[in-house]
Amino acid sequence: MNTKTIKTIVKIGVSLLLLYLVFIKIDIYQIIELYQRANLLYLIVAIVLFITSQIISSLRLNYIFHQNQFYLSQTSNLKLYFVGMFYNFFIPGGVGGDAYKVYILNKRFGWKTKQLTICVFVDRLIGLFAIFTLLVVIGSYLFFFNSILFYIGILITITSFFLTKLVMLRVFKNSNTYYTNSFGYSMVIQLLQVGVIICIVKALQLKVIGYISYCFIFFVSSVFSIVSFAGFGTREYVFLKASTFLNTQETIATSVGLSFNIITALISLVGLIFIINKVQLAIISPNK
């Protein structure tokens, strides 16, 4: 049994365990009731915002590809991106979404596997740093506002931005040409997903003191989601444990994380369309 298989089994095990711990604590009928009386308009807006965030995420990756002389067309890249999402969410133990992108681009165009892998890795890394940045800023505001620690938190994020840029330049030689713009893409993506969370809260008609607390817990759950399969279990468990902090019931808090994962899974199904129709890939001229 190879390392990749072991990691997949562990992630699935973590997801199942956390989902079990969540569902023995919450009232499933209360969640069903929340969905039955949900505001459909806000749910639609949440889905639109999520899809927009994924389109911009695909733009970020293709921007990095182009900066490394892999001139994939955006239409092809978007299709491939959704296929990758499908693999990530519905094929446990199979090839991961990122690995699939690298494989298919290498097979179709003969592009170097190592360089493609670096592009995908950098894309993920910059996205994770954007989450860290917003987590520190929002956390500093929530816990240390009107304190010197708030300004220290802001200083940490600014310093981290330049330190990360410096480290990436040393490790990935030409990353200096696209790091800042890619980080900008990442911030837009995360802010759109904040909008998704706010729309979910509004759709479920939850009584909240401040939306920023839900956004903070969302980013915490995003960081911890890497230890589970496709984020399932982790996001729900984090929201469950944060119910006291959110000043609400465990079931209600969990419903927010669960709703985000359901939306993610539904949109990931789009990738199945391109798999069935055998996604066609094309390149563009470097001058475009």
Protein backbone atom coordinates (compact mmCIF):
# COMPACT_ATOMS: atom_id res chain seq x y z
CA MET A 1 0.00 0.00 0.00
CA ASN A 2 1.60 3.27 -1.12
CA THR A 3 1.75 6.54 0.83
CA LYS A 4 -0.94 8.22 -1.29
CA THR A 5 -3.44 5.43 -0.59
CA ILE A 6 -2.70 5.56 3.13
CA LYS A 7 -3.25 9.35 3.17
CA THR A 8 -6.57 8.95 1.36
CA ILE A 9 -7.73 6.25 3.78
CA VAL A 10 -6.73 8.43 6.74
CA LYS A 11 -8.59 11.45 5.32
CA ILE A 12 -11.72 9.42 4.67
CA GLY A 13 -11.45 7.97 8.18
CA VAL A 14 -11.13 11.47 9.68
CA SER A 15 -14.17 12.67 7.70
CA LEU A 16 -16.30 9.71 8.79
CA LEU A 17 -15.24 10.05 12.42
CA LEU A 18 -15.93 13.80 12.53
CA LEU A 19 -19.27 13.41 10.75
CA TYR A 20 -20.22 10.75 13.30
CA LEU A 21 -19.25 13.07 16.18
CA VAL A 22 -21.29 15.84 14.58
CA PHE A 23 -24.44 13.87 13.84
CA ILE A 24 -24.69 12.37 17.34
CA LYS A 25 -24.72 15.93 18.69
CA ILE A 26 -27.16 17.69 16.38
CA ASP A 27 -30.85 17.40 15.64
CA ILE A 28 -31.12 16.37 12.00
CA TYR A 29 -34.84 17.20 11.94
CA GLN A 30 -34.03 20.77 12.98
CA ILE A 31 -31.64 21.07 10.03
CA ILE A 32 -34.33 19.72 7.68
CA GLU A 33 -36.74 22.29 9.10
CA LEU A 34 -34.18 25.06 8.51
CA TYR A 35 -33.87 24.01 4.87
CA GLN A 36 -37.64 23.79 4.42
CA ARG A 37 -38.14 27.40 5.44
CA ALA A 38 -34.93 28.70 3.86
CA ASN A 39 -35.00 31.84 1.71
CA LEU A 40 -34.46 30.50 -1.81
CA LEU A 41 -33.24 33.83 -3.18
CA TYR A 42 -30.31 33.98 -0.76
CA LEU A 43 -29.45 30.35 -1.53
CA ILE A 44 -29.34 31.17 -5.24
CA VAL A 45 -27.10 34.18 -4.57
CA ALA A 46 -24.84 31.96 -2.43
CA ILE A 47 -24.52 29.47 -5.29
CA VAL A 48 -23.80 32.25 -7.81
CA LEU A 49 -21.12 33.71 -5.53
CA PHE A 50 -19.56 30.29 -5.07
CA ILE A 51 -19.49 29.60 -8.81
CA THR A 52 -17.94 33.05 -9.35
CA SER A 53 -15.25 32.27 -6.77
CA GLN A 54 -14.41 29.05 -8.62
CA ILE A 55 -14.24 30.81 -11.98
CA ILE A 56 -11.81 33.35 -10.52
CA SER A 57 -9.88 30.50 -8.91
CA SER A 58 -9.50 28.93 -12.36
CA LEU A 59 -8.36 32.31 -13.70
CA ARG A 60 -5.68 32.46 -11.01
CA LEU A 61 -4.34 29.04 -11.96
CA ASN A 62 -4.38 29.84 -15.67
CA TYR A 63 -2.62 33.13 -14.99
CA ILE A 64 0.15 31.17 -13.25
CA PHE A 65 0.22 28.71 -16.16
CA HIS A 66 0.63 31.56 -18.64
CA GLN A 67 3.42 33.13 -16.60
CA ASN A 68 5.23 29.81 -16.92
CA GLN A 69 4.67 29.61 -20.70
CA PHE A 70 1.81 27.10 -20.53
CA TYR A 71 -0.70 28.91 -22.73
CA LEU A 72 -3.88 26.97 -22.03
CA SER A 73 -7.09 28.68 -23.19
CA GLN A 74 -9.33 29.88 -20.35
CA THR A 75 -12.30 27.88 -21.66
CA SER A 76 -10.21 24.70 -21.58
CA ASN A 77 -8.79 25.62 -18.19
CA LEU A 78 -12.24 26.19 -16.71
CA LYS A 79 -13.49 22.83 -17.94
CA LEU A 80 -10.39 21.14 -16.56
CA TYR A 81 -10.83 23.00 -13.27
CA PHE A 82 -14.36 21.61 -12.81
CA VAL A 83 -13.15 18.13 -13.70
CA GLY A 84 -10.51 18.54 -10.98
CA MET A 85 -13.19 19.59 -8.50
CA PHE A 86 -15.19 16.47 -9.33
CA TYR A 87 -12.18 14.21 -8.78
CA ASN A 88 -11.42 15.92 -5.47
CA PHE A 89 -14.95 15.48 -4.12
CA PHE A 90 -16.22 12.21 -5.55
CA ILE A 91 -13.28 9.91 -6.27
CA PRO A 92 -11.81 8.77 -2.93
CA GLY A 93 -8.63 6.78 -3.44
CA GLY A 94 -8.44 7.84 -7.08
CA VAL A 95 -6.25 10.43 -8.75
CA GLY A 96 -6.63 13.84 -7.10
CA GLY A 97 -7.97 16.83 -9.00
CA ASP A 98 -4.61 18.59 -9.10
CA ALA A 99 -2.77 15.42 -10.14
CA TYR A 100 -5.33 14.88 -12.89
CA LYS A 101 -4.71 18.36 -14.30
CA VAL A 102 -0.97 17.75 -14.40
CA TYR A 103 -1.42 14.31 -15.98
CA ILE A 104 -3.82 15.40 -18.71
CA LEU A 105 -1.83 18.52 -19.65
CA ASN A 106 1.36 16.49 -19.86
CA LYS A 107 -0.35 13.84 -21.97
CA ARG A 108 -2.14 16.31 -24.28
CA PHE A 109 0.61 18.89 -24.84
CA GLY A 110 3.80 17.23 -23.59
CA TRP A 111 4.36 19.95 -21.00
CA LYS A 112 6.85 19.06 -18.27
CA THR A 113 5.23 17.34 -15.30
CA LYS A 114 7.58 18.93 -12.77
CA GLN A 115 6.87 22.50 -13.90
CA LEU A 116 3.12 21.87 -14.09
CA THR A 117 3.18 20.43 -10.57
CA ILE A 118 5.02 23.51 -9.31
CA CYS A 119 2.38 25.77 -10.90
CA VAL A 120 -0.46 23.87 -9.24
CA PHE A 121 1.37 23.79 -5.91
CA VAL A 122 2.11 27.53 -5.99
CA ASP A 123 -1.55 28.17 -6.87
CA ARG A 124 -2.64 26.25 -3.75
CA LEU A 125 0.04 27.83 -1.57
CA ILE A 126 -0.91 31.40 -2.47
CA GLY A 127 -4.57 30.56 -1.86
CA LEU A 128 -3.74 29.19 1.58
CA PHE A 129 -1.74 32.30 2.42
CA ALA A 130 -4.73 34.50 1.53
CA ILE A 131 -6.83 32.48 3.99
CA PHE A 132 -4.13 32.92 6.65
CA THR A 133 -4.06 36.67 6.00
CA LEU A 134 -7.81 37.10 6.40
CA LEU A 135 -7.82 34.78 9.42
CA VAL A 136 -5.23 36.91 11.22
CA VAL A 137 -6.90 40.22 10.27
CA ILE A 138 -10.41 39.11 11.29
CA GLY A 139 -9.11 37.35 14.41
CA SER A 140 -7.18 40.46 15.46
CA TYR A 141 -10.31 42.55 14.98
CA LEU A 142 -12.56 40.16 16.90
CA PHE A 143 -10.29 39.53 19.88
CA PHE A 144 -7.93 42.50 20.09
CA PHE A 145 -9.72 45.52 18.63
CA ASN A 146 -8.71 48.79 20.37
CA SER A 147 -5.58 46.99 21.56
CA ILE A 148 -1.97 47.12 20.46
CA LEU A 149 -2.33 43.44 19.54
CA PHE A 150 -4.73 44.40 16.74
CA TYR A 151 -2.05 46.52 15.09
CA ILE A 152 0.52 43.80 15.70
CA GLY A 153 -1.78 41.38 13.85
CA ILE A 154 -1.99 43.77 10.89
CA LEU A 155 1.78 44.18 10.95
CA ILE A 156 2.20 40.39 10.96
CA THR A 157 0.08 40.01 7.82
CA ILE A 158 1.96 42.76 5.97
CA THR A 159 5.34 41.32 7.00
CA SER A 160 4.19 37.80 6.10
CA PHE A 161 3.19 38.98 2.63
CA PHE A 162 6.70 40.18 1.83
CA LEU A 163 8.44 37.29 3.60
CA THR A 164 6.35 34.76 1.71
CA LYS A 165 7.12 36.57 -1.53
CA LEU A 166 10.83 36.44 -0.70
CA VAL A 167 10.79 32.74 0.22
CA MET A 168 8.81 31.83 -2.89
CA LEU A 169 11.23 33.76 -5.07
CA ARG A 170 14.09 31.69 -3.69
CA VAL A 171 12.26 28.38 -4.05
CA PHE A 172 10.30 29.09 -7.26
CA LYS A 173 12.62 31.28 -9.29
CA ASN A 174 10.17 33.29 -11.43
CA SER A 175 7.31 33.53 -8.90
CA ASN A 176 8.10 37.21 -8.34
CA THR A 177 6.47 37.99 -11.69
CA TYR A 178 3.05 36.68 -10.66
CA TYR A 179 2.94 36.40 -6.84
CA THR A 180 1.26 39.75 -6.15
CA ASN A 181 -1.42 39.39 -8.81
CA SER A 182 -2.11 35.79 -7.78
CA PHE A 183 -2.49 36.92 -4.17
CA GLY A 184 -4.96 39.55 -5.37
CA TYR A 185 -6.97 36.84 -7.14
CA SER A 186 -6.91 34.80 -3.91
CA MET A 187 -8.23 37.64 -1.79
CA VAL A 188 -11.15 38.16 -4.20
CA ILE A 189 -11.89 34.42 -4.11
CA GLN A 190 -11.97 34.31 -0.32
CA LEU A 191 -14.09 37.46 -0.04
CA LEU A 192 -16.60 35.92 -2.46
CA GLN A 193 -16.72 32.84 -0.26
CA VAL A 194 -17.32 35.09 2.74
CA GLY A 195 -20.30 36.33 0.76
CA VAL A 196 -21.42 32.70 0.38
CA ILE A 197 -21.34 32.22 4.16
CA ILE A 198 -23.29 35.44 4.77
CA CYS A 199 -25.91 34.43 2.19
CA ILE A 200 -26.23 30.99 3.81
CA VAL A 201 -26.80 32.62 7.21
CA LYS A 202 -29.41 34.90 5.67
CA ALA A 203 -31.02 32.06 3.71
CA LEU A 204 -31.43 29.99 6.88
CA GLN A 205 -32.79 33.11 8.61
CA LEU A 206 -30.43 32.76 11.55
CA LYS A 207 -30.32 35.39 14.25
CA VAL A 208 -26.73 36.55 14.50
CA ILE A 209 -24.98 39.28 16.46
CA GLY A 210 -22.30 39.77 13.83
CA TYR A 211 -21.51 38.06 10.54
CA ILE A 212 -17.79 38.53 11.04
CA SER A 213 -17.72 35.76 13.67
CA TYR A 214 -19.16 33.30 11.16
CA CYS A 215 -16.57 34.42 8.60
CA PHE A 216 -13.78 33.84 11.12
CA ILE A 217 -14.99 30.31 11.90
CA PHE A 218 -15.33 29.64 8.17
CA PHE A 219 -11.65 30.47 7.62
CA VAL A 220 -10.67 28.32 10.60
CA SER A 221 -12.63 25.42 9.10
CA SER A 222 -10.97 26.04 5.71
CA VAL A 223 -7.53 25.62 7.26
CA PHE A 224 -8.46 22.42 9.09
CA SER A 225 -10.32 20.98 6.08
CA ILE A 226 -7.01 19.75 4.64
CA VAL A 227 -6.97 16.88 7.18
CA SER A 228 -10.25 15.39 5.91
CA PHE A 229 -11.58 14.17 2.57
CA ALA A 230 -12.89 17.13 0.53
CA GLY A 231 -13.44 19.09 3.75
CA PHE A 232 -16.43 16.98 4.78
CA GLY A 233 -16.62 16.43 8.51
CA THR A 234 -14.02 19.03 9.41
CA ARG A 235 -16.08 22.07 8.43
CA GLU A 236 -19.18 20.76 10.20
CA TYR A 237 -17.17 19.80 13.30
CA VAL A 238 -15.47 23.19 13.55
CA PHE A 239 -18.80 25.01 13.29
CA LEU A 240 -20.29 22.62 15.86
CA LYS A 241 -17.52 23.33 18.37
CA ALA A 242 -17.76 27.07 17.65
CA SER A 243 -21.48 27.23 18.50
CA THR A 244 -20.82 28.84 21.90
CA PHE A 245 -18.51 31.41 20.31
CA LEU A 246 -21.21 32.10 17.69
CA ASN A 247 -23.79 32.37 20.49
CA THR A 248 -26.14 29.86 18.88
CA GLN A 249 -27.24 26.22 19.08
CA GLU A 250 -24.92 23.44 17.93
CA THR A 251 -27.34 22.30 15.21
CA ILE A 252 -27.75 25.81 13.81
CA ALA A 253 -24.00 26.47 13.76
CA THR A 254 -23.36 23.12 12.06
CA SER A 255 -25.97 23.84 9.38
CA VAL A 256 -23.83 26.69 8.03
CA GLY A 257 -20.74 24.53 7.49
CA LEU A 258 -22.86 21.68 6.13
CA SER A 259 -24.60 24.01 3.66
CA PHE A 260 -21.28 25.29 2.30
CA ASN A 261 -20.08 21.72 1.74
CA ILE A 262 -23.34 20.76 0.03
CA ILE A 263 -23.04 23.73 -2.35
CA THR A 264 -19.42 22.78 -3.08
CA ALA A 265 -20.38 19.17 -3.80
CA LEU A 266 -23.27 20.17 -6.09
CA ILE A 267 -21.12 22.54 -8.17
CA SER A 268 -18.38 19.89 -8.35
CA LEU A 269 -20.84 17.67 -10.24
CA VAL A 270 -20.43 20.03 -13.21
CA GLY A 271 -17.08 18.32 -13.77
CA LEU A 272 -18.88 15.05 -14.52
CA ILE A 273 -20.39 16.66 -17.64
CA PHE A 274 -16.93 17.37 -19.05
CA ILE A 275 -15.69 13.89 -18.09
CA ILE A 276 -18.59 12.24 -19.93
CA ASN A 277 -18.11 14.49 -22.96
CA LYS A 278 -14.33 14.01 -22.85
CA VAL A 279 -13.08 17.53 -22.18
CA GLN A 280 -11.33 19.06 -25.20
CA LEU A 281 -8.29 21.21 -24.46
CA ALA A 282 -6.81 24.01 -26.58
CA ILE A 283 -3.95 26.45 -26.33
CA ILE A 284 -3.75 30.09 -27.35
CA SER A 285 -1.10 32.31 -28.83
CA PRO A 286 1.37 33.79 -26.29
CA ASN A 287 0.52 37.25 -27.65
CA LYS A 288 -3.13 37.04 -26.61
